[in-house]
Protein backbone atom coordinates (compact mmCIF):
# COMPACT_ATOMS: atom_id res chain seq x y z
CA MET A 1 -58.45 5.02 -14.45
CA MET A 2 -60.01 8.49 -14.28
CA ARG A 3 -60.84 10.32 -17.48
CA PRO A 4 -59.12 13.70 -17.93
CA THR A 5 -61.29 16.68 -17.17
CA ARG A 6 -62.17 19.27 -19.80
CA ARG A 7 -59.79 21.68 -18.09
CA GLN A 8 -56.98 19.16 -18.27
CA LEU A 9 -57.67 18.51 -21.97
CA LEU A 10 -57.64 22.22 -22.75
CA LEU A 11 -54.42 22.71 -20.79
CA GLY A 12 -52.85 19.77 -22.56
CA PHE A 13 -53.90 21.06 -25.95
CA GLY A 14 -52.57 24.52 -25.13
CA ALA A 15 -49.25 23.10 -24.01
CA SER A 16 -48.98 21.08 -27.24
CA VAL A 17 -49.64 24.19 -29.31
CA LEU A 18 -47.02 26.15 -27.38
CA ILE A 19 -44.44 23.38 -27.67
CA GLY A 20 -45.21 22.86 -31.37
CA GLY A 21 -45.16 26.58 -32.04
CA GLY A 22 -41.88 26.95 -30.21
CA TYR A 23 -40.36 24.14 -32.28
CA VAL A 24 -41.53 25.70 -35.56
CA TRP A 25 -40.28 29.14 -34.54
CA SER A 26 -36.94 27.67 -33.51
CA ARG A 27 -36.59 25.96 -36.90
CA PHE A 28 -37.50 29.20 -38.65
CA ARG A 29 -34.93 31.22 -36.70
CA ARG A 30 -32.24 28.64 -37.50
CA ALA A 31 -33.15 28.84 -41.19
CA VAL A 32 -32.88 32.64 -41.20
CA SER A 33 -29.51 32.47 -39.41
CA ALA A 34 -28.25 29.93 -41.94
CA ALA A 35 -29.39 32.14 -44.82
CA ASP A 36 -27.64 35.14 -43.27
CA ARG A 37 -24.43 33.13 -42.88
CA ARG A 38 -24.62 31.91 -46.47
CA VAL A 39 -24.34 35.43 -47.91
CA ALA A 40 -22.12 36.94 -45.20
CA GLY A 41 -18.52 37.72 -46.08
CA ARG A 42 -18.84 36.81 -49.76
CA SER A 43 -19.25 40.28 -51.22
CA SER A 44 -17.89 43.82 -51.20
CA THR A 45 -19.60 47.20 -51.35
CA MET A 46 -18.88 50.54 -52.98
CA THR A 47 -20.51 53.97 -53.01
CA THR A 48 -22.32 55.18 -56.14
CA PRO A 49 -24.42 58.31 -56.80
CA PHE A 50 -27.39 56.08 -55.92
CA GLY A 51 -26.06 54.82 -52.61
CA THR A 52 -24.28 51.61 -51.65
CA LEU A 53 -23.88 48.93 -54.31
CA GLU A 54 -22.95 45.37 -53.36
CA TYR A 55 -20.99 43.09 -55.67
CA ALA A 56 -18.95 39.89 -55.74
CA ILE A 57 -16.24 38.67 -58.09
CA ALA A 58 -15.40 35.03 -58.79
CA GLY A 59 -13.08 33.28 -61.20
CA SER A 60 -10.53 34.58 -63.66
CA GLY A 61 -10.50 35.29 -67.36
CA PRO A 62 -12.54 37.62 -69.57
CA PRO A 63 -15.01 39.50 -67.35
CA LEU A 64 -18.77 38.96 -67.55
CA LEU A 65 -21.21 41.23 -65.73
CA MET A 66 -23.92 38.81 -64.54
CA ILE A 67 -27.07 40.68 -63.49
CA HIS A 68 -29.42 38.58 -61.37
CA GLY A 69 -33.17 38.16 -61.65
CA THR A 70 -36.05 38.48 -59.21
CA GLY A 71 -35.36 36.94 -55.81
CA GLY A 72 -31.65 37.16 -56.35
CA GLY A 73 -28.71 39.22 -55.33
CA PHE A 74 -25.02 38.72 -55.99
CA ASP A 75 -25.43 35.13 -54.79
CA GLN A 76 -27.94 34.27 -57.52
CA GLY A 77 -25.69 35.85 -60.12
CA LEU A 78 -22.81 33.67 -58.96
CA ARG A 79 -25.01 30.57 -58.94
CA PHE A 80 -26.31 31.13 -62.47
CA ALA A 81 -22.79 31.77 -63.79
CA GLU A 82 -20.96 29.07 -61.82
CA ALA A 83 -20.51 26.84 -64.87
CA LEU A 84 -19.31 29.80 -66.95
CA LYS A 85 -16.74 30.53 -64.26
CA ARG A 86 -15.44 26.98 -64.61
CA LEU A 87 -15.16 27.53 -68.36
CA GLY A 88 -12.80 30.45 -67.83
CA HIS A 89 -14.90 33.57 -67.27
CA GLN A 90 -14.48 36.04 -64.46
CA ILE A 91 -17.93 36.68 -63.02
CA ILE A 92 -18.83 40.10 -61.66
CA ALA A 93 -22.14 39.74 -59.84
CA PRO A 94 -23.81 42.85 -58.38
CA SER A 95 -26.86 43.00 -56.15
CA ARG A 96 -29.38 45.29 -57.83
CA PHE A 97 -31.25 48.08 -56.03
CA GLY A 98 -33.07 46.80 -52.94
CA TYR A 99 -31.32 43.45 -52.82
CA LEU A 100 -29.24 42.41 -49.81
CA ARG A 101 -26.72 45.20 -49.05
CA SER A 102 -27.49 47.39 -52.07
CA ASP A 103 -29.46 50.53 -51.28
CA PHE A 104 -32.89 51.30 -52.71
CA PRO A 105 -32.81 54.86 -54.10
CA ALA A 106 -35.76 57.19 -54.58
CA ASP A 107 -35.76 56.36 -58.30
CA PRO A 108 -34.86 52.66 -58.73
CA SER A 109 -35.31 52.72 -62.51
CA PRO A 110 -33.36 50.44 -64.86
CA ALA A 111 -31.66 53.60 -66.20
CA ASN A 112 -30.32 54.53 -62.78
CA GLN A 113 -29.38 50.91 -62.12
CA ALA A 114 -27.43 50.94 -65.39
CA ASP A 115 -25.54 54.06 -64.33
CA ALA A 116 -24.76 52.50 -60.95
CA LEU A 117 -23.32 49.48 -62.78
CA ALA A 118 -21.18 51.81 -64.90
CA ALA A 119 -19.87 53.30 -61.66
CA LEU A 120 -19.01 49.75 -60.54
CA LEU A 121 -16.96 49.21 -63.69
CA ASP A 122 -15.14 52.48 -63.05
CA HIS A 123 -14.41 51.27 -59.52
CA LEU A 124 -13.03 47.99 -60.89
CA ALA A 125 -11.10 49.76 -63.70
CA ILE A 126 -12.92 47.76 -66.39
CA ASP A 127 -13.50 49.64 -69.64
CA ARG A 128 -15.57 47.10 -71.59
CA LEU A 129 -17.07 43.68 -71.03
CA ALA A 130 -19.89 41.32 -71.93
CA VAL A 131 -23.15 41.72 -70.00
CA ALA A 132 -25.80 39.13 -69.16
CA GLY A 133 -29.15 39.79 -67.50
CA GLY A 134 -31.54 37.12 -66.32
CA SER A 135 -35.30 37.50 -65.85
CA ALA A 136 -36.03 41.01 -64.46
CA GLY A 137 -32.28 41.65 -64.60
CA ALA A 138 -32.61 41.76 -68.38
CA LEU A 139 -34.11 45.24 -68.04
CA SER A 140 -31.03 46.55 -66.22
CA ALA A 141 -28.75 44.77 -68.68
CA THR A 142 -30.56 46.32 -71.65
CA ALA A 143 -30.54 49.77 -70.04
CA PHE A 144 -26.79 49.44 -69.48
CA ALA A 145 -26.20 48.42 -73.11
CA LEU A 146 -28.29 51.36 -74.37
CA ARG A 147 -26.83 54.00 -72.04
CA HIS A 148 -23.21 52.78 -72.15
CA PRO A 149 -22.87 51.01 -75.51
CA ASP A 150 -19.12 51.62 -75.69
CA ARG A 151 -18.71 49.55 -72.52
CA CYS A 152 -20.82 46.55 -73.60
CA SER A 153 -19.09 44.17 -76.03
CA ALA A 154 -21.98 41.71 -76.16
CA LEU A 155 -25.36 41.27 -74.48
CA VAL A 156 -27.13 38.14 -73.27
CA LEU A 157 -30.79 38.36 -72.28
CA LEU A 158 -31.75 35.19 -70.46
CA VAL A 159 -35.51 34.55 -70.01
CA PRO A 160 -36.10 38.33 -70.27
CA ALA A 161 -39.01 39.41 -68.07
CA ALA A 162 -40.19 42.62 -69.72
CA ASN A 163 -43.31 44.27 -71.04
CA VAL A 164 -42.19 45.15 -74.55
CA ASP A 165 -45.53 45.86 -76.25
CA GLY A 166 -47.69 47.46 -73.55
CA SER A 167 -49.23 44.20 -72.41
CA ASP A 168 -48.19 42.65 -69.08
CA PRO A 169 -47.12 39.03 -69.82
CA VAL A 170 -48.19 37.96 -66.30
CA ALA A 171 -51.41 39.75 -65.35
CA MET A 172 -52.63 38.88 -61.83
CA SER A 173 -55.87 39.35 -59.96
CA THR A 174 -56.03 41.57 -56.86
CA LEU A 175 -56.16 38.44 -54.67
CA GLN A 176 -53.09 36.98 -56.36
CA GLU A 177 -51.20 40.27 -55.98
CA THR A 178 -52.05 40.37 -52.27
CA ALA A 179 -50.86 36.79 -51.78
CA VAL A 180 -47.61 37.43 -53.65
CA HIS A 181 -47.00 40.65 -51.70
CA THR A 182 -47.42 38.78 -48.41
CA LEU A 183 -45.11 36.01 -49.54
CA LEU A 184 -42.40 38.37 -50.76
CA THR A 185 -42.32 40.58 -47.67
CA SER A 186 -42.31 38.00 -44.88
CA ASP A 187 -39.44 35.65 -44.13
CA PHE A 188 -41.77 33.48 -42.05
CA ALA A 189 -44.47 33.28 -44.75
CA TYR A 190 -41.88 32.40 -47.39
CA TRP A 191 -40.10 29.89 -45.17
CA SER A 192 -43.43 28.23 -44.33
CA ALA A 193 -44.31 27.91 -48.02
CA LEU A 194 -40.80 26.68 -48.81
CA ASN A 195 -41.20 23.88 -46.27
CA THR A 196 -44.80 22.92 -46.98
CA ALA A 197 -45.31 23.58 -50.68
CA PRO A 198 -41.97 23.89 -52.52
CA GLU A 199 -43.39 22.53 -55.77
CA THR A 200 -46.08 25.21 -55.69
CA LEU A 201 -43.34 27.83 -55.41
CA ILE A 202 -41.55 26.28 -58.38
CA GLY A 203 -44.74 26.64 -60.37
CA THR A 204 -45.40 30.22 -59.26
CA LEU A 205 -42.26 32.13 -58.24
CA LEU A 206 -40.01 30.15 -60.59
CA ALA A 207 -42.71 29.97 -63.30
CA THR A 208 -41.71 26.40 -64.11
CA ASP A 209 -43.94 23.34 -64.42
CA PRO A 210 -43.19 21.27 -61.28
CA ALA A 211 -44.02 18.11 -63.26
CA LEU A 212 -40.63 18.56 -64.94
CA LEU A 213 -38.98 17.63 -61.62
CA THR A 214 -39.73 13.97 -62.35
CA THR A 215 -38.11 14.09 -65.79
CA VAL A 216 -34.78 15.78 -65.08
CA SER A 217 -31.58 14.67 -63.40
CA ARG A 218 -31.05 14.72 -59.65
CA ALA A 219 -28.61 17.61 -60.08
CA GLU A 220 -31.20 19.66 -61.95
CA ARG A 221 -33.86 18.95 -59.31
CA ALA A 222 -31.39 20.06 -56.65
CA ARG A 223 -30.68 23.24 -58.63
CA ALA A 224 -34.36 24.17 -58.69
CA PHE A 225 -34.75 23.73 -54.94
CA ALA A 226 -31.46 25.57 -54.33
CA ILE A 227 -32.73 28.57 -56.29
CA LEU A 228 -35.79 28.63 -54.01
CA ALA A 229 -33.71 28.26 -50.85
CA ASP A 230 -31.36 31.03 -51.97
CA ILE A 231 -34.20 33.56 -51.82
CA MET A 232 -33.90 33.45 -48.04
CA PRO A 233 -33.50 35.88 -46.33
CA ILE A 234 -36.40 37.33 -48.29
CA GLY A 235 -36.74 40.39 -46.07
CA ALA A 236 -33.36 41.60 -47.34
CA ARG A 237 -34.59 41.32 -50.94
CA ALA A 238 -38.21 42.49 -50.59
CA GLU A 239 -37.79 46.04 -51.90
CA GLY A 240 -35.96 44.79 -54.97
CA MET A 241 -38.48 42.04 -55.65
CA LEU A 242 -41.48 44.35 -55.40
CA ASN A 243 -39.73 46.84 -57.67
CA ASP A 244 -39.05 44.06 -60.19
CA ALA A 245 -42.74 43.15 -60.25
CA GLN A 246 -43.62 46.77 -60.94
CA GLN A 247 -40.94 47.26 -63.61
CA ALA A 248 -41.65 43.99 -65.43
CA GLY A 249 -45.40 44.63 -65.53
CA HIS A 250 -45.27 48.16 -66.92
CA PRO A 251 -44.16 49.02 -70.45
CA ALA A 252 -40.37 49.00 -70.70
CA ALA A 253 -39.15 52.57 -71.18
CA MET A 254 -36.42 51.55 -73.61
CA ASP A 255 -36.09 50.95 -77.32
CA PHE A 256 -34.62 47.49 -77.85
CA SER A 257 -34.19 48.23 -81.58
CA GLN A 258 -31.38 50.65 -80.69
CA LEU A 259 -29.11 47.90 -79.41
CA ARG A 260 -26.09 47.79 -81.69
CA MET A 261 -23.90 45.13 -80.08
CA PRO A 262 -24.25 41.37 -80.66
CA VAL A 263 -27.23 40.05 -78.71
CA LEU A 264 -28.15 36.52 -77.62
CA LEU A 265 -31.68 35.81 -76.37
CA ILE A 266 -32.53 32.56 -74.59
CA SER A 267 -35.90 31.42 -73.26
CA ALA A 268 -38.10 28.35 -72.90
CA GLU A 269 -41.38 27.78 -74.69
CA ASP A 270 -43.22 26.86 -71.49
CA ASP A 271 -41.91 29.70 -69.30
CA ARG A 272 -44.99 30.74 -67.32
CA PHE A 273 -43.76 34.34 -67.33
CA GLY A 274 -44.16 34.42 -71.12
CA THR A 275 -40.53 35.22 -71.84
CA ALA A 276 -40.42 33.11 -75.02
CA ALA A 277 -42.83 35.54 -76.69
CA THR A 278 -40.89 38.48 -75.23
CA ALA A 279 -37.59 37.12 -76.57
CA ARG A 280 -39.08 36.65 -80.02
CA LYS A 281 -40.43 40.22 -80.07
CA ILE A 282 -37.03 41.62 -79.10
CA ALA A 283 -35.22 39.45 -81.66
CA ALA A 284 -37.64 40.62 -84.36
CA VAL A 285 -36.30 44.19 -84.15
CA LEU A 286 -32.63 43.19 -83.94
CA PRO A 287 -31.16 41.83 -87.20
CA GLN A 288 -27.95 40.88 -85.38
CA ALA A 289 -29.69 38.93 -82.60
CA GLU A 290 -29.30 35.21 -82.06
CA LEU A 291 -32.40 33.52 -80.61
CA THR A 292 -32.55 30.21 -78.76
CA ILE A 293 -35.95 28.94 -77.58
CA LEU A 294 -35.83 25.73 -75.58
CA PRO A 295 -38.79 23.35 -75.92
CA ASP A 296 -39.33 23.24 -72.15
CA GLY A 297 -37.65 24.01 -68.83
CA GLY A 298 -39.68 26.97 -67.65
CA HIS A 299 -38.25 30.18 -66.26
CA VAL A 300 -35.21 28.43 -64.74
CA TRP A 301 -34.55 26.34 -67.89
CA LEU A 302 -34.92 23.17 -65.81
CA GLY A 303 -33.14 20.24 -67.41
CA HIS A 304 -31.18 22.52 -69.77
CA ASP A 305 -28.59 24.22 -67.57
CA ARG A 306 -25.64 22.61 -69.34
CA GLU A 307 -27.11 23.44 -72.75
CA VAL A 308 -27.70 27.08 -71.77
CA THR A 309 -24.20 27.40 -70.35
CA GLU A 310 -22.60 26.00 -73.50
CA ARG A 311 -24.74 28.24 -75.70
CA MET A 312 -23.70 31.34 -73.74
CA HIS A 313 -20.05 30.26 -73.70
CA ARG A 314 -19.94 29.79 -77.49
CA PHE A 315 -21.56 33.17 -78.00
CA LEU A 316 -19.29 35.02 -75.59
CA ALA A 317 -16.15 33.35 -76.94
CA GLN A 318 -16.59 35.28 -80.19
CA PHE A 319 -16.04 38.61 -78.42
CA ILE A 320 -13.13 37.88 -76.11
């Protein structure tokens, strides 16, 4: 039997690379199409002074404005509030500036986002409601409560990602910033990481110790991976995510001590974004605030979703 020539080996290797590359690219394109289908047809849009704003409504009962965190959109808001919907709350879930079908205005500040949300309530003919903001969404929720206090009956700040004392809770090196920028602006880069190193993403993007995955229920493990998968398509969320990183890292241009409505703050001690310390600092200037710090669970309160839902439900029930 004749040995293959060098030319034949090179041709064979090249063909394998092309076939393998074609398979990977085909899988990637299918994943993007599936992500597009997942969010299609589930939301509405309206026009605000800041451009188009996307939103979705689910459930019935007392309304709750659920403002998503980094990597989200209306779909993340609905996911985080799904259990509250089952408990009898109507969930109004907007996509913040630069997420999915919401425009990204010249000034995407939390103040302008708050005013856009007020326009949404006008559109829906809702005078007053409870507001919840998760992660970077806590900035928009706080801005709304400060700028439109007569329209906010109660405020929930869930793992609030904010710089409240002039010190960035998550300082990164230039190399880390470059890596994160690449990951957050490329569907292919994110999809590749999602398929090869999902636990690394849980530790970084979700700021949650991946070791917790072995200690929680199957449903909670599935929830963590679903949150990661929901970030696809990342290209449709990139502007919002990069803006969140900028807003969360710089000093928050708002005075939390001026909040006058009932406030609930929830975080986890081991949140790698440092939101437990942030929640404590906010609670310290609010005599009316209720503070819940979980012993673990990270930025997505892994293993504590039922506990967090029940805590929010009890709090909100006082103001219905």
